[in-house]
Amino acid sequence: MEDLQRRLTTARESLRILEEQVAVWNDALDDARIRSLVSETPLQTQEYNELSRHVVAANAELQRRSSEVRSLMVERDALLRNWNPKDDNG
């Protein structure tokens, strides 16, 4: 149970950090899109396309980590439902 809780804590922290990063990248992607539209240069379009691919990959990883956290929570909840604490007499 302790190992599971440790894994869940680690997975939640990893997810939280990635969520923050994805939010920043999504803002950067919006900025790159606007620069690409305004400048209409191939370089700006390429920058937007590269960042877009990066954000798509980051969002896929975000979904994977969210799924991992949900799975660990289900596993933890199942263990807790089946847990029979011992009383002081053994």
N, C-alpha and C. Protein backbone atom coordinates (compact mmCIF):
# COMPACT_ATOMS: atom_id res chain seq x y z
N MET A 1 0.82 -1.19 0.00
CA MET A 1 0.00 0.00 0.00
C MET A 1 0.87 1.26 0.00
N GLU A 2 1.96 1.24 0.77
CA GLU A 2 2.85 2.41 0.82
C GLU A 2 3.48 2.69 -0.53
N ASP A 3 3.89 1.61 -1.22
CA ASP A 3 4.49 1.77 -2.55
C ASP A 3 3.48 2.37 -3.51
N LEU A 4 2.25 1.91 -3.45
CA LEU A 4 1.19 2.44 -4.32
C LEU A 4 0.95 3.91 -4.03
N GLN A 5 0.90 4.28 -2.75
CA GLN A 5 0.68 5.68 -2.40
C GLN A 5 1.85 6.54 -2.86
N ARG A 6 3.05 6.03 -2.74
CA ARG A 6 4.24 6.75 -3.21
C ARG A 6 4.18 6.95 -4.73
N ARG A 7 3.80 5.90 -5.45
CA ARG A 7 3.67 6.00 -6.92
C ARG A 7 2.60 7.00 -7.30
N LEU A 8 1.48 7.00 -6.56
CA LEU A 8 0.39 7.92 -6.84
C LEU A 8 0.83 9.36 -6.58
N THR A 9 1.52 9.60 -5.49
CA THR A 9 2.02 10.94 -5.18
C THR A 9 2.97 11.43 -6.26
N THR A 10 3.87 10.57 -6.69
CA THR A 10 4.83 10.92 -7.74
C THR A 10 4.10 11.21 -9.05
N ALA A 11 3.14 10.38 -9.39
CA ALA A 11 2.39 10.56 -10.64
C ALA A 11 1.58 11.85 -10.61
N ARG A 12 0.99 12.17 -9.47
CA ARG A 12 0.22 13.42 -9.36
C ARG A 12 1.14 14.64 -9.52
N GLU A 13 2.30 14.59 -8.89
CA GLU A 13 3.25 15.71 -8.99
C GLU A 13 3.73 15.88 -10.43
N SER A 14 4.04 14.77 -11.07
CA SER A 14 4.48 14.80 -12.46
C SER A 14 3.38 15.39 -13.36
N LEU A 15 2.14 14.98 -13.10
CA LEU A 15 1.00 15.49 -13.86
C LEU A 15 0.83 16.99 -13.64
N ARG A 16 0.95 17.44 -12.39
CA ARG A 16 0.79 18.86 -12.08
C ARG A 16 1.84 19.70 -12.81
N ILE A 17 3.08 19.23 -12.82
CA ILE A 17 4.15 19.96 -13.50
C ILE A 17 3.88 20.02 -14.99
N LEU A 18 3.50 18.89 -15.57
CA LEU A 18 3.22 18.86 -17.00
C LEU A 18 2.04 19.76 -17.35
N GLU A 19 1.02 19.80 -16.50
CA GLU A 19 -0.13 20.68 -16.75
C GLU A 19 0.32 22.14 -16.83
N GLU A 20 1.21 22.53 -15.93
CA GLU A 20 1.74 23.90 -15.96
C GLU A 20 2.51 24.16 -17.24
N GLN A 21 3.34 23.20 -17.64
CA GLN A 21 4.13 23.35 -18.86
C GLN A 21 3.23 23.44 -20.09
N VAL A 22 2.23 22.59 -20.15
CA VAL A 22 1.32 22.59 -21.30
C VAL A 22 0.57 23.92 -21.40
N ALA A 23 0.19 24.47 -20.26
CA ALA A 23 -0.49 25.77 -20.27
C ALA A 23 0.42 26.85 -20.86
N VAL A 24 1.68 26.83 -20.49
CA VAL A 24 2.64 27.81 -21.04
C VAL A 24 2.82 27.57 -22.53
N TRP A 25 2.98 26.31 -22.93
CA TRP A 25 3.17 26.00 -24.35
C TRP A 25 1.94 26.36 -25.18
N ASN A 26 0.75 26.17 -24.61
CA ASN A 26 -0.46 26.56 -25.34
C ASN A 26 -0.51 28.07 -25.55
N ASP A 27 -0.09 28.85 -24.55
CA ASP A 27 -0.01 30.31 -24.72
C ASP A 27 1.01 30.67 -25.80
N ALA A 28 2.16 30.00 -25.76
CA ALA A 28 3.20 30.25 -26.77
C ALA A 28 2.70 29.88 -28.16
N LEU A 29 1.92 28.82 -28.24
CA LEU A 29 1.36 28.40 -29.52
C LEU A 29 0.39 29.44 -30.06
N ASP A 30 -0.43 30.00 -29.19
CA ASP A 30 -1.34 31.07 -29.61
C ASP A 30 -0.56 32.27 -30.15
N ASP A 31 0.51 32.64 -29.43
CA ASP A 31 1.34 33.75 -29.89
C ASP A 31 1.99 33.45 -31.23
N ALA A 32 2.50 32.24 -31.39
CA ALA A 32 3.14 31.85 -32.64
C ALA A 32 2.13 31.84 -33.79
N ARG A 33 0.91 31.42 -33.50
CA ARG A 33 -0.13 31.42 -34.54
C ARG A 33 -0.41 32.84 -35.01
N ILE A 34 -0.53 33.74 -34.06
CA ILE A 34 -0.80 35.14 -34.42
C ILE A 34 0.37 35.72 -35.21
N ARG A 35 1.61 35.46 -34.76
CA ARG A 35 2.78 35.96 -35.50
C ARG A 35 2.81 35.38 -36.90
N SER A 36 2.45 34.13 -37.03
CA SER A 36 2.45 33.47 -38.34
C SER A 36 1.42 34.12 -39.26
N LEU A 37 0.25 34.43 -38.72
CA LEU A 37 -0.80 35.05 -39.53
C LEU A 37 -0.44 36.47 -39.93
N VAL A 38 0.15 37.21 -38.99
CA VAL A 38 0.46 38.62 -39.24
C VAL A 38 1.64 38.76 -40.19
N SER A 39 2.68 37.98 -39.96
CA SER A 39 3.90 38.14 -40.75
C SER A 39 3.82 37.45 -42.10
N GLU A 40 3.09 36.35 -42.15
CA GLU A 40 2.95 35.56 -43.38
C GLU A 40 4.30 35.17 -43.98
N THR A 41 5.28 34.91 -43.11
CA THR A 41 6.59 34.46 -43.60
C THR A 41 6.72 32.96 -43.37
N PRO A 42 7.46 32.30 -44.23
CA PRO A 42 7.66 30.85 -44.06
C PRO A 42 8.31 30.50 -42.72
N LEU A 43 9.20 31.36 -42.25
CA LEU A 43 9.88 31.08 -40.99
C LEU A 43 8.89 31.08 -39.81
N GLN A 44 8.01 32.04 -39.79
CA GLN A 44 7.01 32.10 -38.71
C GLN A 44 6.05 30.92 -38.81
N THR A 45 5.68 30.56 -40.02
CA THR A 45 4.80 29.41 -40.21
C THR A 45 5.48 28.13 -39.75
N GLN A 46 6.76 27.99 -40.07
CA GLN A 46 7.52 26.81 -39.65
C GLN A 46 7.62 26.76 -38.12
N GLU A 47 7.87 27.92 -37.50
CA GLU A 47 7.95 27.98 -36.03
C GLU A 47 6.62 27.53 -35.41
N TYR A 48 5.53 28.02 -35.98
CA TYR A 48 4.21 27.64 -35.48
C TYR A 48 3.97 26.14 -35.65
N ASN A 49 4.31 25.60 -36.81
CA ASN A 49 4.10 24.17 -37.07
C ASN A 49 4.92 23.29 -36.12
N GLU A 50 6.17 23.69 -35.86
CA GLU A 50 7.02 22.92 -34.96
C GLU A 50 6.48 22.96 -33.53
N LEU A 51 6.10 24.14 -33.11
CA LEU A 51 5.54 24.28 -31.76
C LEU A 51 4.22 23.52 -31.65
N SER A 52 3.44 23.54 -32.71
CA SER A 52 2.16 22.83 -32.71
C SER A 52 2.38 21.33 -32.53
N ARG A 53 3.36 20.77 -33.22
CA ARG A 53 3.67 19.34 -33.06
C ARG A 53 4.11 19.05 -31.62
N HIS A 54 4.90 19.94 -31.06
CA HIS A 54 5.37 19.78 -29.68
C HIS A 54 4.19 19.79 -28.71
N VAL A 55 3.27 20.71 -28.90
CA VAL A 55 2.10 20.82 -28.03
C VAL A 55 1.20 19.60 -28.17
N VAL A 56 1.04 19.10 -29.37
CA VAL A 56 0.24 17.87 -29.57
C VAL A 56 0.86 16.71 -28.80
N ALA A 57 2.19 16.56 -28.89
CA ALA A 57 2.87 15.49 -28.16
C ALA A 57 2.74 15.69 -26.64
N ALA A 58 2.85 16.92 -26.18
CA ALA A 58 2.73 17.21 -24.76
C ALA A 58 1.32 16.91 -24.27
N ASN A 59 0.33 17.24 -25.06
CA ASN A 59 -1.06 16.94 -24.68
C ASN A 59 -1.31 15.44 -24.64
N ALA A 60 -0.69 14.70 -25.54
CA ALA A 60 -0.82 13.24 -25.51
C ALA A 60 -0.19 12.68 -24.23
N GLU A 61 0.96 13.22 -23.86
CA GLU A 61 1.62 12.79 -22.62
C GLU A 61 0.78 13.18 -21.41
N LEU A 62 0.15 14.32 -21.47
CA LEU A 62 -0.73 14.77 -20.39
C LEU A 62 -1.89 13.79 -20.22
N GLN A 63 -2.46 13.35 -21.31
CA GLN A 63 -3.54 12.36 -21.24
C GLN A 63 -3.05 11.04 -20.67
N ARG A 64 -1.85 10.64 -21.07
CA ARG A 64 -1.28 9.38 -20.57
C ARG A 64 -1.08 9.46 -19.06
N ARG A 65 -0.52 10.57 -18.61
CA ARG A 65 -0.27 10.72 -17.17
C ARG A 65 -1.57 10.84 -16.38
N SER A 66 -2.56 11.51 -16.94
CA SER A 66 -3.87 11.60 -16.28
C SER A 66 -4.46 10.20 -16.13
N SER A 67 -4.34 9.41 -17.16
CA SER A 67 -4.84 8.04 -17.12
C SER A 67 -4.09 7.21 -16.08
N GLU A 68 -2.79 7.43 -15.98
CA GLU A 68 -1.99 6.72 -14.98
C GLU A 68 -2.45 7.08 -13.57
N VAL A 69 -2.69 8.36 -13.32
CA VAL A 69 -3.16 8.79 -12.00
C VAL A 69 -4.51 8.16 -11.69
N ARG A 70 -5.43 8.18 -12.66
CA ARG A 70 -6.75 7.58 -12.44
C ARG A 70 -6.63 6.09 -12.13
N SER A 71 -5.76 5.41 -12.87
CA SER A 71 -5.57 3.98 -12.66
C SER A 71 -5.01 3.69 -11.27
N LEU A 72 -4.04 4.48 -10.84
CA LEU A 72 -3.48 4.29 -9.51
C LEU A 72 -4.51 4.58 -8.42
N MET A 73 -5.36 5.56 -8.65
CA MET A 73 -6.41 5.88 -7.68
C MET A 73 -7.42 4.74 -7.58
N VAL A 74 -7.77 4.15 -8.70
CA VAL A 74 -8.69 3.00 -8.70
C VAL A 74 -8.07 1.84 -7.94
N GLU A 75 -6.79 1.59 -8.20
CA GLU A 75 -6.09 0.51 -7.51
C GLU A 75 -6.04 0.77 -6.00
N ARG A 76 -5.72 2.01 -5.62
CA ARG A 76 -5.68 2.38 -4.20
C ARG A 76 -7.05 2.20 -3.55
N ASP A 77 -8.08 2.68 -4.22
CA ASP A 77 -9.43 2.58 -3.67
C ASP A 77 -9.86 1.13 -3.48
N ALA A 78 -9.48 0.27 -4.42
CA ALA A 78 -9.80 -1.15 -4.30
C ALA A 78 -9.09 -1.76 -3.10
N LEU A 79 -7.83 -1.38 -2.90
CA LEU A 79 -7.10 -1.89 -1.73
C LEU A 79 -7.73 -1.40 -0.43
N LEU A 80 -8.15 -0.15 -0.41
CA LEU A 80 -8.77 0.40 0.79
C LEU A 80 -10.11 -0.27 1.10
N ARG A 81 -10.87 -0.59 0.07
CA ARG A 81 -12.15 -1.27 0.29
C ARG A 81 -11.95 -2.65 0.91
N ASN A 82 -10.86 -3.31 0.52
CA ASN A 82 -10.60 -4.67 0.99
C ASN A 82 -9.74 -4.71 2.25
N TRP A 83 -9.36 -3.57 2.76
CA TRP A 83 -8.47 -3.50 3.91
C TRP A 83 -9.22 -3.78 5.20
N ASN A 84 -8.67 -4.65 6.00
CA ASN A 84 -9.23 -4.97 7.31
C ASN A 84 -8.18 -4.63 8.37
N PRO A 85 -8.32 -3.46 8.98
CA PRO A 85 -7.30 -3.09 9.98
C PRO A 85 -7.36 -4.01 11.19
N LYS A 86 -6.20 -4.28 11.73
CA LYS A 86 -6.13 -5.12 12.92
C LYS A 86 -6.41 -4.25 14.14
N ASP A 87 -7.08 -4.84 15.08
CA ASP A 87 -7.31 -4.09 16.32
C ASP A 87 -6.08 -4.23 17.23
N ASP A 88 -6.11 -3.62 18.38
CA ASP A 88 -4.97 -3.61 19.28
C ASP A 88 -4.65 -5.01 19.83
N ASN A 89 -5.59 -5.92 19.75
CA ASN A 89 -5.38 -7.27 20.28
C ASN A 89 -4.82 -8.24 19.24
N GLY A 90 -4.55 -7.74 18.06
CA GLY A 90 -3.94 -8.60 17.06
C GLY A 90 -4.88 -8.98 16.02
